[in-house]
Amino acid sequence: MKTTVEIPDALMAEARKYAAARGLTFREVLEMSLRSTLEQRRGAKKPFKLRDGSFKGNGMTPGLDWPKIRKLIYEGHGG
């Protein structure tokens, strides 16, 4: 899409200098700047953090192992 934008001379000169120093076009600098600004306005997404689900205790109950637990879970459910 094409549009007309008024940019102060000093800002335009600085943006062109920035683009030239990095081997970019003015258009690329403008697009990068707009994307960056819009991303900041959307707010940074916080990374997912799994809550600590551990609890205090001394491990499994004596005499109870995984095969017995599995048997108790499926007892009466056709398992």
N, C-alpha and C. Protein backbone atom coordinates (compact mmCIF):
# COMPACT_ATOMS: atom_id res chain seq x y z
N MET A 1 0.84 -1.17 0.00
CA MET A 1 0.00 0.00 0.00
C MET A 1 0.89 1.24 0.00
N LYS A 2 0.52 2.21 -0.73
CA LYS A 2 1.28 3.44 -0.77
C LYS A 2 0.54 4.50 0.01
N THR A 3 1.32 5.35 0.68
CA THR A 3 0.74 6.45 1.43
C THR A 3 1.75 7.58 1.50
N THR A 4 1.29 8.74 1.88
CA THR A 4 2.17 9.89 2.01
C THR A 4 2.27 10.23 3.49
N VAL A 5 3.50 10.41 3.94
CA VAL A 5 3.75 10.72 5.34
C VAL A 5 4.67 11.92 5.41
N GLU A 6 4.36 12.86 6.29
CA GLU A 6 5.24 14.01 6.47
C GLU A 6 6.18 13.70 7.62
N ILE A 7 7.49 13.78 7.33
CA ILE A 7 8.52 13.49 8.31
C ILE A 7 9.44 14.70 8.39
N PRO A 8 9.74 15.17 9.59
CA PRO A 8 10.65 16.31 9.72
C PRO A 8 11.99 16.02 9.03
N ASP A 9 12.57 17.04 8.44
CA ASP A 9 13.81 16.89 7.67
C ASP A 9 14.92 16.23 8.49
N ALA A 10 15.10 16.66 9.72
CA ALA A 10 16.17 16.12 10.55
C ALA A 10 15.97 14.62 10.81
N LEU A 11 14.73 14.24 11.06
CA LEU A 11 14.43 12.82 11.32
C LEU A 11 14.65 12.00 10.05
N MET A 12 14.24 12.53 8.92
CA MET A 12 14.43 11.84 7.64
C MET A 12 15.91 11.65 7.35
N ALA A 13 16.70 12.68 7.58
CA ALA A 13 18.14 12.60 7.33
C ALA A 13 18.78 11.55 8.25
N GLU A 14 18.36 11.53 9.51
CA GLU A 14 18.90 10.55 10.46
C GLU A 14 18.51 9.13 10.06
N ALA A 15 17.26 8.95 9.64
CA ALA A 15 16.79 7.62 9.23
C ALA A 15 17.52 7.14 7.97
N ARG A 16 17.75 8.02 7.03
CA ARG A 16 18.48 7.64 5.81
C ARG A 16 19.94 7.29 6.12
N LYS A 17 20.54 8.04 7.03
CA LYS A 17 21.91 7.77 7.44
C LYS A 17 21.98 6.40 8.13
N TYR A 18 21.02 6.14 8.99
CA TYR A 18 20.93 4.86 9.69
C TYR A 18 20.80 3.71 8.69
N ALA A 19 19.90 3.88 7.72
CA ALA A 19 19.67 2.85 6.70
C ALA A 19 20.93 2.60 5.86
N ALA A 20 21.56 3.66 5.43
CA ALA A 20 22.76 3.53 4.59
C ALA A 20 23.89 2.82 5.33
N ALA A 21 24.04 3.13 6.60
CA ALA A 21 25.11 2.52 7.39
C ALA A 21 24.90 1.02 7.57
N ARG A 22 23.67 0.57 7.43
CA ARG A 22 23.35 -0.85 7.63
C ARG A 22 22.98 -1.58 6.34
N GLY A 23 23.09 -0.87 5.24
CA GLY A 23 22.77 -1.49 3.95
C GLY A 23 21.29 -1.77 3.78
N LEU A 24 20.47 -0.92 4.38
CA LEU A 24 19.02 -1.08 4.30
C LEU A 24 18.42 0.05 3.49
N THR A 25 17.20 -0.14 3.04
CA THR A 25 16.48 0.94 2.39
C THR A 25 15.72 1.71 3.46
N PHE A 26 15.32 2.93 3.12
CA PHE A 26 14.52 3.71 4.06
C PHE A 26 13.22 2.98 4.37
N ARG A 27 12.65 2.36 3.34
CA ARG A 27 11.39 1.62 3.53
C ARG A 27 11.57 0.50 4.56
N GLU A 28 12.68 -0.23 4.50
CA GLU A 28 12.93 -1.31 5.46
C GLU A 28 13.04 -0.76 6.89
N VAL A 29 13.73 0.37 7.03
CA VAL A 29 13.87 0.99 8.35
C VAL A 29 12.50 1.43 8.86
N LEU A 30 11.70 2.02 8.00
CA LEU A 30 10.37 2.47 8.39
C LEU A 30 9.50 1.28 8.82
N GLU A 31 9.52 0.21 8.03
CA GLU A 31 8.73 -0.99 8.38
C GLU A 31 9.19 -1.59 9.71
N MET A 32 10.50 -1.71 9.88
CA MET A 32 11.03 -2.28 11.14
C MET A 32 10.60 -1.42 12.33
N SER A 33 10.66 -0.11 12.16
CA SER A 33 10.29 0.80 13.24
C SER A 33 8.82 0.69 13.59
N LEU A 34 7.97 0.63 12.58
CA LEU A 34 6.53 0.50 12.82
C LEU A 34 6.21 -0.83 13.51
N ARG A 35 6.81 -1.91 13.01
CA ARG A 35 6.56 -3.22 13.63
C ARG A 35 7.02 -3.24 15.09
N SER A 36 8.18 -2.68 15.34
CA SER A 36 8.71 -2.64 16.70
C SER A 36 7.79 -1.84 17.63
N THR A 37 7.35 -0.69 17.17
CA THR A 37 6.46 0.15 17.97
C THR A 37 5.14 -0.55 18.26
N LEU A 38 4.57 -1.18 17.25
CA LEU A 38 3.29 -1.86 17.44
C LEU A 38 3.43 -3.07 18.36
N GLU A 39 4.54 -3.78 18.26
CA GLU A 39 4.78 -4.94 19.13
C GLU A 39 4.89 -4.49 20.59
N GLN A 40 5.58 -3.38 20.81
CA GLN A 40 5.70 -2.86 22.18
C GLN A 40 4.35 -2.45 22.73
N ARG A 41 3.52 -1.87 21.91
CA ARG A 41 2.19 -1.44 22.36
C ARG A 41 1.30 -2.62 22.70
N ARG A 42 1.47 -3.73 21.98
CA ARG A 42 0.68 -4.93 22.28
C ARG A 42 1.06 -5.51 23.63
N GLY A 43 2.25 -5.17 24.07
CA GLY A 43 2.73 -5.68 25.34
C GLY A 43 3.51 -6.95 25.13
N ALA A 44 4.56 -7.05 25.85
CA ALA A 44 5.40 -8.24 25.75
C ALA A 44 4.67 -9.42 26.39
N LYS A 45 4.65 -10.51 25.69
CA LYS A 45 4.01 -11.72 26.22
C LYS A 45 4.96 -12.36 27.20
N LYS A 46 4.41 -12.67 28.38
CA LYS A 46 5.23 -13.33 29.38
C LYS A 46 5.39 -14.79 29.02
N PRO A 47 6.59 -15.31 29.18
CA PRO A 47 6.79 -16.73 28.87
C PRO A 47 6.02 -17.60 29.87
N PHE A 48 5.58 -18.74 29.40
CA PHE A 48 4.85 -19.67 30.25
C PHE A 48 5.76 -20.15 31.37
N LYS A 49 5.24 -20.18 32.57
CA LYS A 49 6.01 -20.67 33.71
C LYS A 49 5.15 -21.68 34.45
N LEU A 50 5.64 -22.90 34.51
CA LEU A 50 4.93 -23.96 35.20
C LEU A 50 5.07 -23.75 36.70
N ARG A 51 3.93 -23.75 37.38
CA ARG A 51 3.99 -23.53 38.82
C ARG A 51 4.58 -24.75 39.51
N ASP A 52 5.14 -24.53 40.67
CA ASP A 52 5.75 -25.61 41.44
C ASP A 52 4.63 -26.46 42.04
N GLY A 53 4.51 -27.68 41.60
CA GLY A 53 3.45 -28.59 42.08
C GLY A 53 3.95 -29.57 43.13
N SER A 54 5.16 -29.36 43.60
CA SER A 54 5.70 -30.29 44.59
C SER A 54 5.06 -30.04 45.95
N PHE A 55 5.17 -31.03 46.81
CA PHE A 55 4.62 -30.91 48.15
C PHE A 55 5.55 -31.61 49.12
N LYS A 56 5.38 -31.28 50.39
CA LYS A 56 6.25 -31.87 51.41
C LYS A 56 5.77 -33.28 51.72
N GLY A 57 6.70 -34.11 52.05
CA GLY A 57 6.36 -35.48 52.39
C GLY A 57 7.60 -36.35 52.32
N ASN A 58 7.40 -37.62 52.58
CA ASN A 58 8.53 -38.55 52.59
C ASN A 58 8.43 -39.57 51.46
N GLY A 59 7.77 -39.22 50.40
CA GLY A 59 7.68 -40.13 49.28
C GLY A 59 6.46 -41.04 49.39
N MET A 60 6.53 -42.18 48.73
CA MET A 60 5.39 -43.10 48.68
C MET A 60 5.19 -43.81 50.02
N THR A 61 3.96 -44.19 50.25
CA THR A 61 3.61 -44.94 51.46
C THR A 61 4.30 -46.30 51.42
N PRO A 62 4.89 -46.72 52.52
CA PRO A 62 5.55 -48.03 52.54
C PRO A 62 4.57 -49.15 52.13
N GLY A 63 5.06 -50.09 51.33
CA GLY A 63 4.24 -51.21 50.88
C GLY A 63 3.38 -50.90 49.67
N LEU A 64 3.46 -49.66 49.17
CA LEU A 64 2.65 -49.27 48.02
C LEU A 64 3.61 -48.95 46.87
N ASP A 65 3.47 -49.66 45.76
CA ASP A 65 4.31 -49.40 44.60
C ASP A 65 3.42 -49.10 43.40
N TRP A 66 4.03 -48.73 42.26
CA TRP A 66 3.25 -48.32 41.09
C TRP A 66 2.31 -49.39 40.56
N PRO A 67 2.69 -50.66 40.50
CA PRO A 67 1.72 -51.67 40.04
C PRO A 67 0.49 -51.75 40.96
N LYS A 68 0.69 -51.62 42.27
CA LYS A 68 -0.45 -51.64 43.20
C LYS A 68 -1.32 -50.39 43.03
N ILE A 69 -0.67 -49.25 42.83
CA ILE A 69 -1.43 -48.00 42.62
C ILE A 69 -2.28 -48.11 41.36
N ARG A 70 -1.68 -48.63 40.26
CA ARG A 70 -2.41 -48.79 39.01
C ARG A 70 -3.60 -49.71 39.20
N LYS A 71 -3.42 -50.80 39.93
CA LYS A 71 -4.50 -51.75 40.20
C LYS A 71 -5.64 -51.06 40.96
N LEU A 72 -5.29 -50.23 41.95
CA LEU A 72 -6.31 -49.55 42.74
C LEU A 72 -7.05 -48.51 41.89
N ILE A 73 -6.34 -47.85 41.01
CA ILE A 73 -6.97 -46.83 40.16
C ILE A 73 -8.04 -47.45 39.26
N TYR A 74 -7.71 -48.60 38.65
CA TYR A 74 -8.62 -49.22 37.69
C TYR A 74 -9.60 -50.20 38.32
N GLU A 75 -9.50 -50.44 39.61
CA GLU A 75 -10.38 -51.38 40.29
C GLU A 75 -11.84 -50.95 40.10
N GLY A 76 -12.68 -51.85 39.60
CA GLY A 76 -14.08 -51.55 39.39
C GLY A 76 -14.37 -50.82 38.09
N HIS A 77 -13.35 -50.61 37.27
CA HIS A 77 -13.54 -49.90 35.99
C HIS A 77 -13.18 -50.79 34.81
N GLY A 78 -13.21 -52.07 35.03
CA GLY A 78 -12.94 -53.03 33.94
C GLY A 78 -11.48 -53.19 33.62
N GLY A 79 -10.59 -52.73 34.47
CA GLY A 79 -9.17 -52.78 34.16
C GLY A 79 -8.43 -53.88 34.85
